[in-house]
PDB file of N, CA and C in Angstrom:
ATOM      1  N   MET A   1      95.605 105.090  89.518  1.00  0.00           N
ATOM      2  CA  MET A   1      94.434 105.027  90.535  1.00  0.00           C
ATOM      3  C   MET A   1      94.288 106.612  91.088  1.00  0.00           C
ATOM      4  N   ASN A   2      93.313 107.134  91.236  1.00  0.00           N
ATOM      5  CA  ASN A   2      92.808 108.431  91.664  1.00  0.00           C
ATOM      6  C   ASN A   2      92.771 108.329  93.210  1.00  0.00           C
ATOM      7  N   LYS A   3      92.961 109.619  93.672  1.00  0.00           N
ATOM      8  CA  LYS A   3      93.319 109.861  95.244  1.00  0.00           C
ATOM      9  C   LYS A   3      91.883 109.272  96.002  1.00  0.00           C
ATOM     10  N   ASP A   4      90.783 109.408  95.474  1.00  0.00           N
ATOM     11  CA  ASP A   4      89.501 109.033  96.070  1.00  0.00           C
ATOM     12  C   ASP A   4      89.741 107.534  96.254  1.00  0.00           C
ATOM     13  N   ILE A   5      89.859 106.865  95.239  1.00  0.00           N
ATOM     14  CA  ILE A   5      90.045 105.329  95.157  1.00  0.00           C
ATOM     15  C   ILE A   5      91.079 104.795  96.212  1.00  0.00           C
ATOM     16  N   ILE A   6      92.491 105.665  96.527  1.00  0.00           N
ATOM     17  CA  ILE A   6      93.314 105.326  97.376  1.00  0.00           C
ATOM     18  C   ILE A   6      92.618 105.542  98.614  1.00  0.00           C
ATOM     19  N   ALA A   7      91.919 106.639  98.900  1.00  0.00           N
ATOM     20  CA  ALA A   7      91.641 106.819 100.304  1.00  0.00           C
ATOM     21  C   ALA A   7      90.473 105.798 100.508  1.00  0.00           C
ATOM     22  N   GLY A   8      89.833 105.216  99.648  1.00  0.00           N
ATOM     23  CA  GLY A   8      88.656 104.294  99.855  1.00  0.00           C
ATOM     24  C   GLY A   8      89.373 102.980 100.234  1.00  0.00           C
ATOM     25  N   LYS A   9      90.468 102.407  99.601  1.00  0.00           N
ATOM     26  CA  LYS A   9      91.033 101.329  99.595  1.00  0.00           C
ATOM     27  C   LYS A   9      92.202 101.467 100.659  1.00  0.00           C
ATOM     28  N   TRP A  10      92.436 102.394 101.524  1.00  0.00           N
ATOM     29  CA  TRP A  10      93.539 102.518 102.291  1.00  0.00           C
ATOM     30  C   TRP A  10      93.915 101.411 103.059  1.00  0.00           C
ATOM     31  N   THR A  11      92.943 100.649 103.688  1.00  0.00           N
ATOM     32  CA  THR A  11      93.245  99.679 104.389  1.00  0.00           C
ATOM     33  C   THR A  11      94.226  98.492 103.791  1.00  0.00           C
ATOM     34  N   GLN A  12      93.846  98.250 102.364  1.00  0.00           N
ATOM     35  CA  GLN A  12      94.351  97.247 101.653  1.00  0.00           C
ATOM     36  C   GLN A  12      95.859  97.887 101.075  1.00  0.00           C
ATOM     37  N   ILE A  13      96.029  99.200 101.068  1.00  0.00           N
ATOM     38  CA  ILE A  13      97.023  99.680 100.202  1.00  0.00           C
ATOM     39  C   ILE A  13      97.975  99.888 101.438  1.00  0.00           C
ATOM     40  N   LYS A  14      97.485 100.259 102.780  1.00  0.00           N
ATOM     41  CA  LYS A  14      98.529 100.580 103.796  1.00  0.00           C
ATOM     42  C   LYS A  14      99.664  99.626 103.846  1.00  0.00           C
ATOM     43  N   GLY A  15      99.562  98.278 103.728  1.00  0.00           N
ATOM     44  CA  GLY A  15     100.661  97.333 103.830  1.00  0.00           C
ATOM     45  C   GLY A  15     101.691  97.582 102.915  1.00  0.00           C
ATOM     46  N   LYS A  16     101.367  97.941 101.624  1.00  0.00           N
ATOM     47  CA  LYS A  16     102.413  98.148 100.664  1.00  0.00           C
ATOM     48  C   LYS A  16     103.111  99.531 100.926  1.00  0.00           C
ATOM     49  N   ALA A  17     102.438 100.349 101.499  1.00  0.00           N
ATOM     50  CA  ALA A  17     103.023 101.706 101.912  1.00  0.00           C
ATOM     51  C   ALA A  17     104.008 101.442 103.235  1.00  0.00           C
ATOM     52  N   GLN A  18     103.559 100.889 104.109  1.00  0.00           N
ATOM     53  CA  GLN A  18     104.523 100.401 105.115  1.00  0.00           C
ATOM     54  C   GLN A  18     105.836  99.716 104.713  1.00  0.00           C
ATOM     55  N   ALA A  19     105.390  98.971 103.857  1.00  0.00           N
ATOM     56  CA  ALA A  19     106.710  98.009 103.309  1.00  0.00           C
ATOM     57  C   ALA A  19     107.715  99.081 102.674  1.00  0.00           C
ATOM     58  N   LYS A  20     107.133 100.027 101.748  1.00  0.00           N
ATOM     59  CA  LYS A  20     108.070 100.881 101.330  1.00  0.00           C
ATOM     60  C   LYS A  20     108.710 101.868 102.118  1.00  0.00           C
ATOM     61  N   TRP A  21     107.887 102.427 103.081  1.00  0.00           N
ATOM     62  CA  TRP A  21     108.607 103.478 104.008  1.00  0.00           C
ATOM     63  C   TRP A  21     108.406 103.051 105.618  1.00  0.00           C
ATOM     64  N   GLY A  22     109.177 101.847 105.671  1.00  0.00           N
ATOM     65  CA  GLY A  22     109.122 101.207 106.995  1.00  0.00           C
ATOM     66  C   GLY A  22     109.277 101.998 108.289  1.00  0.00           C
ATOM     67  N   ASP A  23     110.094 103.071 108.020  1.00  0.00           N
ATOM     68  CA  ASP A  23     110.354 104.079 109.237  1.00  0.00           C
ATOM     69  C   ASP A  23     109.350 104.746 109.657  1.00  0.00           C
ATOM     70  N   LEU A  24     108.143 104.772 108.909  1.00  0.00           N
ATOM     71  CA  LEU A  24     106.924 105.528 109.358  1.00  0.00           C
ATOM     72  C   LEU A  24     106.137 104.650 110.271  1.00  0.00           C
ATOM     73  N   THR A  25     105.568 104.909 111.313  1.00  0.00           N
ATOM     74  CA  THR A  25     104.673 104.321 112.403  1.00  0.00           C
ATOM     75  C   THR A  25     103.522 103.760 111.802  1.00  0.00           C
ATOM     76  N   ASP A  26     102.822 102.961 112.425  1.00  0.00           N
ATOM     77  CA  ASP A  26     101.591 102.411 111.990  1.00  0.00           C
ATOM     78  C   ASP A  26     100.695 103.631 112.225  1.00  0.00           C
ATOM     79  N   ASP A  27     100.704 104.590 113.294  1.00  0.00           N
ATOM     80  CA  ASP A  27      99.829 105.722 113.651  1.00  0.00           C
ATOM     81  C   ASP A  27      99.848 106.663 112.574  1.00  0.00           C
ATOM     82  N   VAL A  28     101.073 106.725 111.980  1.00  0.00           N
ATOM     83  CA  VAL A  28     101.081 107.832 110.766  1.00  0.00           C
ATOM     84  C   VAL A  28     100.229 107.277 109.583  1.00  0.00           C
ATOM     85  N   PHE A  29     100.300 105.856 109.320  1.00  0.00           N
ATOM     86  CA  PHE A  29      99.454 105.366 108.327  1.00  0.00           C
ATOM     87  C   PHE A  29      97.998 105.240 108.682  1.00  0.00           C
ATOM     88  N   ASP A  30      97.579 105.281 109.916  1.00  0.00           N
ATOM     89  CA  ASP A  30      96.183 105.184 110.240  1.00  0.00           C
ATOM     90  C   ASP A  30      95.811 106.701 110.193  1.00  0.00           C
ATOM     91  N   VAL A  31      96.382 107.708 110.493  1.00  0.00           N
ATOM     92  CA  VAL A  31      96.121 109.045 110.365  1.00  0.00           C
ATOM     93  C   VAL A  31      95.936 109.454 108.936  1.00  0.00           C
ATOM     94  N   ALA A  32      96.949 108.937 108.052  1.00  0.00           N
ATOM     95  CA  ALA A  32      97.016 109.550 106.761  1.00  0.00           C
ATOM     96  C   ALA A  32      95.696 109.116 106.137  1.00  0.00           C
ATOM     97  N   GLN A  33      95.280 107.872 106.190  1.00  0.00           N
ATOM     98  CA  GLN A  33      94.156 107.340 105.449  1.00  0.00           C
ATOM     99  C   GLN A  33      94.107 107.607 104.027  1.00  0.00           C
ATOM    100  N   GLY A  34      95.132 107.689 103.193  1.00  0.00           N
ATOM    101  CA  GLY A  34      95.082 107.893 102.154  1.00  0.00           C
ATOM    102  C   GLY A  34      95.618 109.370 101.410  1.00  0.00           C
ATOM    103  N   ASP A  35      95.551 110.316 102.519  1.00  0.00           N
ATOM    104  CA  ASP A  35      95.852 111.635 102.373  1.00  0.00           C
ATOM    105  C   ASP A  35      97.471 111.757 101.723  1.00  0.00           C
ATOM    106  N   SER A  36      97.549 112.081 100.634  1.00  0.00           N
ATOM    107  CA  SER A  36      98.902 112.389 100.104  1.00  0.00           C
ATOM    108  C   SER A  36      99.533 113.338 100.477  1.00  0.00           C
ATOM    109  N   LYS A  37      99.167 114.446 100.962  1.00  0.00           N
ATOM    110  CA  LYS A  37      99.916 115.539 101.275  1.00  0.00           C
ATOM    111  C   LYS A  37     100.332 115.244 102.712  1.00  0.00           C
ATOM    112  N   TYR A  38      99.465 114.838 103.440  1.00  0.00           N
ATOM    113  CA  TYR A  38      99.919 114.379 105.024  1.00  0.00           C
ATOM    114  C   TYR A  38     100.963 113.468 105.013  1.00  0.00           C
ATOM    115  N   LEU A  39     100.806 112.301 104.297  1.00  0.00           N
ATOM    116  CA  LEU A  39     101.948 111.427 103.940  1.00  0.00           C
ATOM    117  C   LEU A  39     103.312 111.999 103.359  1.00  0.00           C
ATOM    118  N   ALA A  40     103.103 112.882 102.502  1.00  0.00           N
ATOM    119  CA  ALA A  40     104.404 113.703 101.981  1.00  0.00           C
ATOM    120  C   ALA A  40     105.003 114.343 103.040  1.00  0.00           C
ATOM    121  N   GLY A  41     104.216 115.139 103.724  1.00  0.00           N
ATOM    122  CA  GLY A  41     104.759 115.624 104.983  1.00  0.00           C
ATOM    123  C   GLY A  41     105.382 114.750 105.942  1.00  0.00           C
ATOM    124  N   LYS A  42     104.973 113.742 106.291  1.00  0.00           N
ATOM    125  CA  LYS A  42     105.471 112.781 107.363  1.00  0.00           C
ATOM    126  C   LYS A  42     106.884 112.213 106.800  1.00  0.00           C
ATOM    127  N   LEU A  43     106.875 111.985 105.483  1.00  0.00           N
ATOM    128  CA  LEU A  43     107.940 111.555 104.642  1.00  0.00           C
ATOM    129  C   LEU A  43     109.015 112.635 104.910  1.00  0.00           C
ATOM    130  N   GLN A  44     108.575 113.844 104.694  1.00  0.00           N
ATOM    131  CA  GLN A  44     109.851 114.795 104.700  1.00  0.00           C
ATOM    132  C   GLN A  44     110.228 114.863 106.136  1.00  0.00           C
ATOM    133  N   GLU A  45     109.511 114.770 107.232  1.00  0.00           N
ATOM    134  CA  GLU A  45     109.800 114.833 108.436  1.00  0.00           C
ATOM    135  C   GLU A  45     110.648 113.741 109.037  1.00  0.00           C
ATOM    136  N   ARG A  46     110.339 112.521 108.346  1.00  0.00           N
ATOM    137  CA  ARG A  46     111.044 111.520 108.944  1.00  0.00           C
ATOM    138  C   ARG A  46     112.349 111.229 108.231  1.00  0.00           C
ATOM    139  N   TYR A  47     112.178 111.550 106.896  1.00  0.00           N
ATOM    140  CA  TYR A  47     113.406 111.016 106.180  1.00  0.00           C
ATOM    141  C   TYR A  47     114.257 112.370 105.996  1.00  0.00           C
ATOM    142  N   GLY A  48     113.775 113.522 106.142  1.00  0.00           N
ATOM    143  CA  GLY A  48     114.554 114.610 105.897  1.00  0.00           C
ATOM    144  C   GLY A  48     114.663 115.064 104.476  1.00  0.00           C
ATOM    145  N   TRP A  49     113.595 114.703 103.657  1.00  0.00           N
ATOM    146  CA  TRP A  49     113.580 114.894 102.283  1.00  0.00           C
ATOM    147  C   TRP A  49     113.058 116.352 101.972  1.00  0.00           C
ATOM    148  N   GLU A  50     113.220 117.081 100.839  1.00  0.00           N
ATOM    149  CA  GLU A  50     112.738 118.274 100.392  1.00  0.00           C
ATOM    150  C   GLU A  50     111.392 117.784 100.154  1.00  0.00           C
ATOM    151  N   ARG A  51     110.483 118.762 100.131  1.00  0.00           N
ATOM    152  CA  ARG A  51     109.031 118.651  99.750  1.00  0.00           C
ATOM    153  C   ARG A  51     108.777 118.015  98.553  1.00  0.00           C
ATOM    154  N   GLU A  52     109.759 118.429  97.240  1.00  0.00           N
ATOM    155  CA  GLU A  52     109.383 117.853  96.059  1.00  0.00           C
ATOM    156  C   GLU A  52     109.855 116.495  95.970  1.00  0.00           C
ATOM    157  N   ARG A  53     110.669 116.069  96.687  1.00  0.00           N
ATOM    158  CA  ARG A  53     111.058 114.757  96.641  1.00  0.00           C
ATOM    159  C   ARG A  53     110.015 113.893  97.186  1.00  0.00           C
ATOM    160  N   ALA A  54     109.505 114.175  98.636  1.00  0.00           N
ATOM    161  CA  ALA A  54     108.450 113.628  99.335  1.00  0.00           C
ATOM    162  C   ALA A  54     107.373 113.514  98.409  1.00  0.00           C
ATOM    163  N   GLU A  55     106.908 114.320  97.753  1.00  0.00           N
ATOM    164  CA  GLU A  55     105.656 114.603  97.036  1.00  0.00           C
ATOM    165  C   GLU A  55     105.715 113.568  95.890  1.00  0.00           C
ATOM    166  N   LYS A  56     107.150 113.511  95.315  1.00  0.00           N
ATOM    167  CA  LYS A  56     107.587 112.611  94.097  1.00  0.00           C
ATOM    168  C   LYS A  56     107.373 111.198  94.609  1.00  0.00           C
ATOM    169  N   GLU A  57     107.845 110.960  95.811  1.00  0.00           N
ATOM    170  CA  GLU A  57     107.603 109.455  96.373  1.00  0.00           C
ATOM    171  C   GLU A  57     106.296 109.105  96.331  1.00  0.00           C
ATOM    172  N   VAL A  58     105.575 110.026  96.950  1.00  0.00           N
ATOM    173  CA  VAL A  58     104.064 109.645  97.045  1.00  0.00           C
ATOM    174  C   VAL A  58     103.494 109.503  95.707  1.00  0.00           C
ATOM    175  N   ARG A  59     103.775 110.306  94.513  1.00  0.00           N
ATOM    176  CA  ARG A  59     103.102 110.317  93.380  1.00  0.00           C
ATOM    177  C   ARG A  59     103.587 108.920  92.789  1.00  0.00           C
ATOM    178  N   ASP A  60     104.933 108.376  92.705  1.00  0.00           N
ATOM    179  CA  ASP A  60     105.309 107.523  92.281  1.00  0.00           C
ATOM    180  C   ASP A  60     104.758 106.114  92.811  1.00  0.00           C
ATOM    181  N   PHE A  61     104.503 106.217  94.256  1.00  0.00           N
ATOM    182  CA  PHE A  61     103.839 104.903  94.850  1.00  0.00           C
ATOM    183  C   PHE A  61     102.385 104.937  94.356  1.00  0.00           C
ATOM    184  N   GLU A  62     101.751 106.083  94.191  1.00  0.00           N
ATOM    185  CA  GLU A  62     100.397 105.939  93.558  1.00  0.00           C
ATOM    186  C   GLU A  62     100.375 105.236  92.387  1.00  0.00           C
ATOM    187  N   ASN A  63     101.534 105.631  91.377  1.00  0.00           N
ATOM    188  CA  ASN A  63     101.574 105.119  90.072  1.00  0.00           C
ATOM    189  C   ASN A  63     101.759 103.674  90.157  1.00  0.00           C
ATOM    190  N   THR A  64     102.241 103.215  91.096  1.00  0.00           N
ATOM    191  CA  THR A  64     102.387 101.613  91.359  1.00  0.00           C
ATOM    192  C   THR A  64     101.210 100.949  91.351  1.00  0.00           C
ATOM    193  N   LEU A  65     100.193 101.629  91.931  1.00  0.00           N
ATOM    194  CA  LEU A  65      98.854 101.005  92.084  1.00  0.00           C
ATOM    195  C   LEU A  65      98.022 100.881  91.011  1.00  0.00           C
ATOM    196  N   ASN A  66      98.583 101.095  89.977  1.00  0.00           N
ATOM    197  CA  ASN A  66      97.536 101.309  88.741  1.00  0.00           C
ATOM    198  C   ASN A  66      97.731  99.796  88.296  1.00  0.00           C
TER     199      ASN A  66
END
């Protein structure tokens, strides 16, 4: 699923993302609105991951939506 589709369907996908990364707040997901770079940054911040790992987590999540 491409990034434009993810952003367009964010309200439906948001629940799956919240289940995967439960330590992130609703506010983070509301602001993210499907923005993978923003989400990866918040994952880095919250979980203390390296940038590469956070970006991989988001990519892997996007791939599960296909």
